[in-house]
Amino acid sequence: MNPLSENEIKQAEIGIILCPEANGNLFPEEAMGALIEYGFTHLKFDKVNAFYANNNLATKRFIKKLNFIYEPVFLPPPIRHFGGNSYKLKPNY
């Protein structure tokens, strides 16, 4: 792993696929919450990014529930092709 320069942001991207069987069981919330906490606490990320397709309203609600905020960015072709949206989460400290 290469050391980061002073101006680089230490960040991660997450992908989310919610299966219908998990709906209402809080499994996704627990799993994602643990991953986010680990990333900010132990890996010292500055930010975590989440992308989802425009028509995936369940994922939009889920990431908003986790306190991600919308961040307009230029998305790469595979995500842009599906009408993707970008959200970010920064640590609370």
C-alpha atoms as a PDB file:
ATOM      1  CA  MET A   1       0.000   0.000   0.000  1.00  0.00           C
ATOM      2  CA  ASN A   2       1.353   3.410  -0.956  1.00  0.00           C
ATOM      3  CA  PRO A   3       1.375   6.137   1.691  1.00  0.00           C
ATOM      4  CA  LEU A   4      -1.094   8.952   1.095  1.00  0.00           C
ATOM      5  CA  SER A   5       0.142  12.383   0.221  1.00  0.00           C
ATOM      6  CA  GLU A   6      -0.879  15.279   2.441  1.00  0.00           C
ATOM      7  CA  ASN A   7      -3.756  16.309   0.125  1.00  0.00           C
ATOM      8  CA  GLU A   8      -5.252  12.872  -0.530  1.00  0.00           C
ATOM      9  CA  ILE A   9      -8.501  11.811   1.096  1.00  0.00           C
ATOM     10  CA  LYS A  10      -8.569   8.365   2.646  1.00  0.00           C
ATOM     11  CA  GLN A  11     -11.907   6.969   1.510  1.00  0.00           C
ATOM     12  CA  ALA A  12     -13.779   3.797   0.689  1.00  0.00           C
ATOM     13  CA  GLU A  13     -16.691   2.857  -1.538  1.00  0.00           C
ATOM     14  CA  ILE A  14     -19.433   0.482  -0.510  1.00  0.00           C
ATOM     15  CA  GLY A  15     -21.939  -1.453  -2.552  1.00  0.00           C
ATOM     16  CA  ILE A  16     -25.293  -2.420  -1.152  1.00  0.00           C
ATOM     17  CA  ILE A  17     -27.599  -5.218  -2.253  1.00  0.00           C
ATOM     18  CA  LEU A  18     -30.644  -5.757  -0.078  1.00  0.00           C
ATOM     19  CA  CYS A  19     -32.462  -9.077  -0.361  1.00  0.00           C
ATOM     20  CA  PRO A  20     -36.189  -9.172   0.456  1.00  0.00           C
ATOM     21  CA  GLU A  21     -35.666 -11.724   3.257  1.00  0.00           C
ATOM     22  CA  ALA A  22     -33.551  -9.212   5.210  1.00  0.00           C
ATOM     23  CA  ASN A  23     -36.221  -6.521   5.039  1.00  0.00           C
ATOM     24  CA  GLY A  24     -37.331  -5.482   8.511  1.00  0.00           C
ATOM     25  CA  ASN A  25     -34.766  -7.608  10.374  1.00  0.00           C
ATOM     26  CA  LEU A  26     -32.164  -4.830  10.832  1.00  0.00           C
ATOM     27  CA  PHE A  27     -29.424  -7.139   9.471  1.00  0.00           C
ATOM     28  CA  PRO A  28     -28.309  -4.639   6.813  1.00  0.00           C
ATOM     29  CA  GLU A  29     -28.249  -1.785   9.341  1.00  0.00           C
ATOM     30  CA  GLU A  30     -26.159  -3.787  11.813  1.00  0.00           C
ATOM     31  CA  ALA A  31     -23.724  -5.038   9.178  1.00  0.00           C
ATOM     32  CA  MET A  32     -23.255  -1.679   7.481  1.00  0.00           C
ATOM     33  CA  GLY A  33     -23.015   0.139  10.813  1.00  0.00           C
ATOM     34  CA  ALA A  34     -20.226  -2.208  11.920  1.00  0.00           C
ATOM     35  CA  LEU A  35     -18.330  -1.784   8.638  1.00  0.00           C
ATOM     36  CA  ILE A  36     -18.620   1.997   8.755  1.00  0.00           C
ATOM     37  CA  GLU A  37     -17.516   2.156  12.382  1.00  0.00           C
ATOM     38  CA  TYR A  38     -14.514  -0.082  11.640  1.00  0.00           C
ATOM     39  CA  GLY A  39     -13.542   2.030   8.631  1.00  0.00           C
ATOM     40  CA  PHE A  40     -13.627   5.318  10.537  1.00  0.00           C
ATOM     41  CA  THR A  41     -12.235   4.029  13.834  1.00  0.00           C
ATOM     42  CA  HIS A  42      -9.564   1.529  12.814  1.00  0.00           C
ATOM     43  CA  LEU A  43      -8.766   2.350   9.193  1.00  0.00           C
ATOM     44  CA  LYS A  44      -9.089   6.129   9.747  1.00  0.00           C
ATOM     45  CA  PHE A  45     -11.142   6.815   6.619  1.00  0.00           C
ATOM     46  CA  ASP A  46     -12.008  10.439   5.942  1.00  0.00           C
ATOM     47  CA  LYS A  47     -15.134   9.472   4.049  1.00  0.00           C
ATOM     48  CA  VAL A  48     -17.186   6.494   2.824  1.00  0.00           C
ATOM     49  CA  ASN A  49     -19.023   6.702  -0.509  1.00  0.00           C
ATOM     50  CA  ALA A  50     -22.137   4.809  -1.571  1.00  0.00           C
ATOM     51  CA  PHE A  51     -23.537   4.634  -5.089  1.00  0.00           C
ATOM     52  CA  TYR A  52     -26.916   3.297  -6.202  1.00  0.00           C
ATOM     53  CA  ALA A  53     -29.130   3.315  -9.286  1.00  0.00           C
ATOM     54  CA  ASN A  54     -31.788   6.053  -9.509  1.00  0.00           C
ATOM     55  CA  ASN A  55     -34.624   3.539  -9.539  1.00  0.00           C
ATOM     56  CA  ASN A  56     -33.449   1.741  -6.385  1.00  0.00           C
ATOM     57  CA  LEU A  57     -35.528   3.637  -3.834  1.00  0.00           C
ATOM     58  CA  ALA A  58     -35.053   1.028  -1.074  1.00  0.00           C
ATOM     59  CA  THR A  59     -31.287   1.529  -1.146  1.00  0.00           C
ATOM     60  CA  LYS A  60     -31.747   5.312  -1.221  1.00  0.00           C
ATOM     61  CA  ARG A  61     -33.862   5.125   1.964  1.00  0.00           C
ATOM     62  CA  PHE A  62     -31.347   2.742   3.556  1.00  0.00           C
ATOM     63  CA  ILE A  63     -28.286   4.919   3.010  1.00  0.00           C
ATOM     64  CA  LYS A  64     -30.157   8.049   4.124  1.00  0.00           C
ATOM     65  CA  LYS A  65     -31.115   6.149   7.295  1.00  0.00           C
ATOM     66  CA  LEU A  66     -27.376   5.604   7.883  1.00  0.00           C
ATOM     67  CA  ASN A  67     -26.856   9.411   7.659  1.00  0.00           C
ATOM     68  CA  PHE A  68     -25.204   9.493   4.237  1.00  0.00           C
ATOM     69  CA  ILE A  69     -25.693  12.811   2.460  1.00  0.00           C
ATOM     70  CA  TYR A  70     -26.083  13.456  -1.262  1.00  0.00           C
ATOM     71  CA  GLU A  71     -22.929  14.599  -3.019  1.00  0.00           C
ATOM     72  CA  PRO A  72     -23.162  15.412  -6.724  1.00  0.00           C
ATOM     73  CA  VAL A  73     -20.085  14.021  -8.457  1.00  0.00           C
ATOM     74  CA  PHE A  74     -19.064  12.934 -11.927  1.00  0.00           C
ATOM     75  CA  LEU A  75     -19.760   9.202 -11.963  1.00  0.00           C
ATOM     76  CA  PRO A  76     -17.832   6.660 -14.038  1.00  0.00           C
ATOM     77  CA  PRO A  77     -19.572   5.206 -17.122  1.00  0.00           C
ATOM     78  CA  PRO A  78     -20.929   1.973 -15.554  1.00  0.00           C
ATOM     79  CA  ILE A  79     -22.706   3.892 -12.781  1.00  0.00           C
ATOM     80  CA  ARG A  80     -23.668   6.848 -14.974  1.00  0.00           C
ATOM     81  CA  HIS A  81     -25.214   4.402 -17.497  1.00  0.00           C
ATOM     82  CA  PHE A  82     -27.680   3.187 -14.854  1.00  0.00           C
ATOM     83  CA  GLY A  83     -28.490   6.683 -13.645  1.00  0.00           C
ATOM     84  CA  GLY A  84     -26.475   6.369 -10.454  1.00  0.00           C
ATOM     85  CA  ASN A  85     -26.435   8.695  -7.457  1.00  0.00           C
ATOM     86  CA  SER A  86     -23.555   9.377  -5.097  1.00  0.00           C
ATOM     87  CA  TYR A  87     -23.816   9.738  -1.322  1.00  0.00           C
ATOM     88  CA  LYS A  88     -21.054  10.301   1.233  1.00  0.00           C
ATOM     89  CA  LEU A  89     -20.637   9.780   4.954  1.00  0.00           C
ATOM     90  CA  LYS A  90     -18.017  11.484   7.097  1.00  0.00           C
ATOM     91  CA  PRO A  91     -16.992  10.520  10.622  1.00  0.00           C
ATOM     92  CA  ASN A  92     -18.779  12.095  13.597  1.00  0.00           C
ATOM     93  CA  TYR A  93     -15.609  13.138  15.421  1.00  0.00           C
END
